[in-house]
Protein backbone atom coordinates (compact mmCIF):
# COMPACT_ATOMS: atom_id res chain seq x y z
CA MET A 1 -0.01 0.00 0.02
CA LYS A 2 2.83 2.44 0.81
CA ASN A 3 4.42 1.98 -2.64
CA HIS A 4 1.07 2.74 -4.27
CA LEU A 5 0.85 6.04 -2.34
CA LYS A 6 4.39 7.00 -3.15
CA ARG A 7 3.79 6.50 -6.90
CA GLY A 8 0.50 8.48 -6.83
CA TRP A 9 1.78 11.69 -5.26
CA PRO A 10 3.19 13.16 -8.49
CA VAL A 11 -0.17 12.75 -10.16
CA ALA A 12 -1.94 14.39 -7.26
CA ALA A 13 0.65 17.23 -7.24
CA ALA A 14 0.18 17.81 -10.94
CA PHE A 15 -3.59 17.86 -10.54
CA MET A 16 -3.35 20.43 -7.80
CA GLY A 17 -0.97 22.49 -9.90
CA LEU A 18 -3.50 22.57 -12.73
CA ALA A 19 -6.59 23.04 -10.52
CA LEU A 20 -5.31 25.75 -8.21
CA PRO A 21 -5.12 28.51 -10.86
CA VAL A 22 -8.65 27.81 -11.96
CA VAL A 23 -9.90 27.88 -8.39
CA MET A 24 -7.99 31.16 -7.71
CA LEU A 25 -9.30 32.82 -10.87
CA ASN A 26 -12.90 31.90 -10.01
CA ALA A 27 -12.43 33.19 -6.44
CA GLN A 28 -11.20 36.50 -7.86
CA GLY A 29 -14.27 36.86 -10.06
CA GLY A 30 -12.66 35.63 -13.26
CA ARG A 31 -14.90 34.44 -16.04
CA ARG A 32 -12.82 31.77 -17.69
CA GLY A 33 -14.81 28.62 -17.11
CA GLY A 34 -16.53 29.92 -13.96
CA ALA A 35 -19.73 31.57 -13.15
CA PRO A 36 -19.84 35.31 -13.74
CA ALA A 37 -19.20 37.55 -10.74
CA ALA A 38 -22.06 39.32 -9.09
CA ASN A 39 -23.09 42.45 -10.95
CA VAL A 40 -21.70 45.50 -9.10
CA PRO A 41 -23.37 48.91 -9.83
CA PRO A 42 -21.22 51.28 -11.92
CA PRO A 43 -19.07 53.74 -10.03
CA THR A 44 -20.35 57.21 -9.30
CA SER A 45 -17.03 58.93 -8.47
CA PRO A 46 -16.19 62.18 -10.31
CA VAL A 47 -14.73 62.02 -13.80
CA THR A 48 -12.46 64.77 -15.17
CA GLY A 49 -11.58 63.42 -18.66
CA ASP A 50 -13.27 63.90 -22.00
CA ALA A 51 -15.21 60.75 -23.00
CA ALA A 52 -15.30 61.70 -26.70
CA ALA A 53 -11.52 61.88 -26.86
CA GLY A 54 -11.31 58.78 -24.71
CA LYS A 55 -13.28 56.78 -27.20
CA GLY A 56 -10.63 57.29 -29.89
CA LEU A 57 -7.87 56.48 -27.45
CA TYR A 58 -9.67 53.33 -26.23
CA TYR A 59 -9.56 52.03 -29.81
CA SER A 60 -6.13 53.38 -30.80
CA PHE A 61 -4.45 51.81 -27.74
CA GLY A 62 -6.31 48.52 -28.47
CA CYS A 63 -8.21 48.34 -25.15
CA TYR A 64 -11.17 46.72 -26.96
CA ALA A 65 -9.02 43.70 -27.87
CA CYS A 66 -9.29 42.41 -24.29
CA HIS A 67 -12.18 44.40 -22.83
CA GLY A 68 -14.51 44.33 -25.81
CA TYR A 69 -16.28 47.22 -27.49
CA ASN A 70 -18.55 47.81 -24.50
CA GLY A 71 -16.58 46.53 -21.53
CA GLU A 72 -18.75 43.40 -21.24
CA THR A 73 -17.12 41.10 -23.73
CA GLY A 74 -13.64 39.88 -24.58
CA ALA A 75 -11.15 38.10 -22.40
CA ARG A 76 -11.22 40.64 -19.60
CA PRO A 77 -14.65 42.28 -19.27
CA PHE A 78 -15.09 44.77 -16.46
CA VAL A 79 -18.64 46.18 -16.63
CA GLY A 80 -20.39 44.73 -13.60
CA ARG A 81 -17.28 44.24 -11.55
CA TRP A 82 -15.46 47.52 -11.67
CA GLY A 83 -12.52 46.72 -9.39
CA ASN A 84 -9.63 49.07 -10.36
CA LEU A 85 -12.09 51.25 -12.24
CA ALA A 86 -14.00 52.39 -9.11
CA THR A 87 -12.39 55.81 -9.19
CA GLU A 88 -10.26 57.76 -11.67
CA LYS A 89 -7.42 57.74 -9.16
CA SER A 90 -7.53 53.94 -8.72
CA PHE A 91 -7.53 53.55 -12.55
CA LEU A 92 -4.44 55.79 -12.93
CA THR A 93 -2.74 53.98 -10.04
CA PHE A 94 -3.44 50.58 -11.74
CA LEU A 95 -2.10 51.80 -15.06
CA ARG A 96 1.01 53.35 -13.55
CA GLY A 97 1.79 51.10 -10.60
CA ARG A 98 3.26 48.21 -12.48
CA ALA A 99 4.73 50.29 -15.34
CA ASN A 100 6.74 52.69 -13.20
CA VAL A 101 8.04 49.90 -10.98
CA ALA A 102 8.80 47.66 -13.97
CA PRO A 103 8.28 44.30 -12.17
CA VAL A 104 10.05 41.24 -13.45
CA THR A 105 6.84 39.29 -13.39
CA PRO A 106 3.68 41.25 -14.19
CA SER A 107 0.74 40.83 -11.84
CA THR A 108 -1.72 40.60 -14.75
CA SER A 109 -1.66 40.22 -18.50
CA MET A 110 -2.57 43.89 -18.83
CA PRO A 111 0.20 45.80 -20.67
CA ASN A 112 2.26 48.33 -18.74
CA PHE A 113 1.35 51.94 -19.46
CA SER A 114 3.93 54.35 -18.08
CA GLU A 115 3.42 58.13 -18.23
CA ALA A 116 5.66 58.12 -21.30
CA SER A 117 3.27 55.85 -23.24
CA VAL A 118 -0.08 57.23 -21.95
CA THR A 119 -0.19 60.70 -20.56
CA ASP A 120 -2.39 61.42 -17.49
CA LYS A 121 -4.74 63.44 -19.71
CA GLN A 122 -5.09 60.51 -22.13
CA ALA A 123 -5.66 58.05 -19.29
CA LYS A 124 -8.33 60.29 -17.74
CA ASP A 125 -10.01 60.57 -21.16
CA ILE A 126 -10.01 56.76 -21.54
CA TYR A 127 -11.44 56.41 -18.06
CA ALA A 128 -14.17 58.96 -18.86
CA TYR A 129 -15.10 56.87 -21.93
CA ILE A 130 -15.07 53.63 -19.96
CA ARG A 131 -17.44 55.17 -17.43
CA THR A 132 -20.04 55.66 -20.23
CA PHE A 133 -20.30 51.86 -20.53
CA LYS A 134 -23.54 50.37 -19.15
CA SER A 135 -24.44 46.73 -18.65
CA SER A 136 -26.69 45.40 -21.40
CA ALA A 137 -27.28 42.13 -19.59
CA PRO A 138 -30.96 41.52 -18.72
CA ALA A 139 -31.73 41.70 -15.02
CA GLU A 140 -33.43 38.31 -15.18
CA ALA A 141 -33.37 35.41 -17.62
CA LYS A 142 -37.00 36.01 -18.51
CA ASP A 143 -35.96 39.40 -19.94
CA ALA A 144 -33.48 37.87 -22.49
CA PRO A 145 -35.18 38.03 -25.94
CA ALA A 146 -32.94 35.35 -27.55
CA LEU A 147 -33.55 32.98 -24.66
CA ASN A 148 -37.28 33.56 -24.87
CA ALA A 149 -37.28 32.87 -28.67
CA ILE A 150 -35.43 29.57 -28.11
CA LEU A 151 -37.87 28.53 -25.36
CA ASP A 152 -40.89 29.42 -27.48
CA ALA A 153 -39.47 27.43 -30.45
CA ALA A 154 -38.84 24.43 -28.18
CA LYS A 155 -42.46 24.49 -27.00
CA GLN A 156 -43.85 24.40 -30.52
CA GLU A 157 -45.17 21.07 -31.70
CA LYS A 158 -42.79 19.09 -33.90
CA LYS A 159 -44.10 17.95 -37.35
């Protein structure tokens, strides 16, 4: 029995090594394979940037590639769980914190944006544009038109 346990520990360790990142991502509200995080109301803190200018910057810096065109889609959506976007100051701190320290291992897959690459004015404009995003998710499943169409079609008698 002891030999069987000794041979099985590498398999158990490998399983834990693969499962732990998934568990941690879900605990942090990640969406990869897990349930979506609870919908948090949008922030109401003051905004000093220009949303119209921020829209162009959001696209020119490629923010939409990860965050989608409306902040709800893509690999890293944020509408509904605002986190570092709760205030303009926290957004700037998030953009600058890692870039100005230049860590060896980045804390996220978000690119570093130092003041040399994105000015404070540009960052505030991007933040102002981001703050215009609203959740388009229905409050309840019964309010989802596509789901209701599917359910209605399923109820129809088959020929």
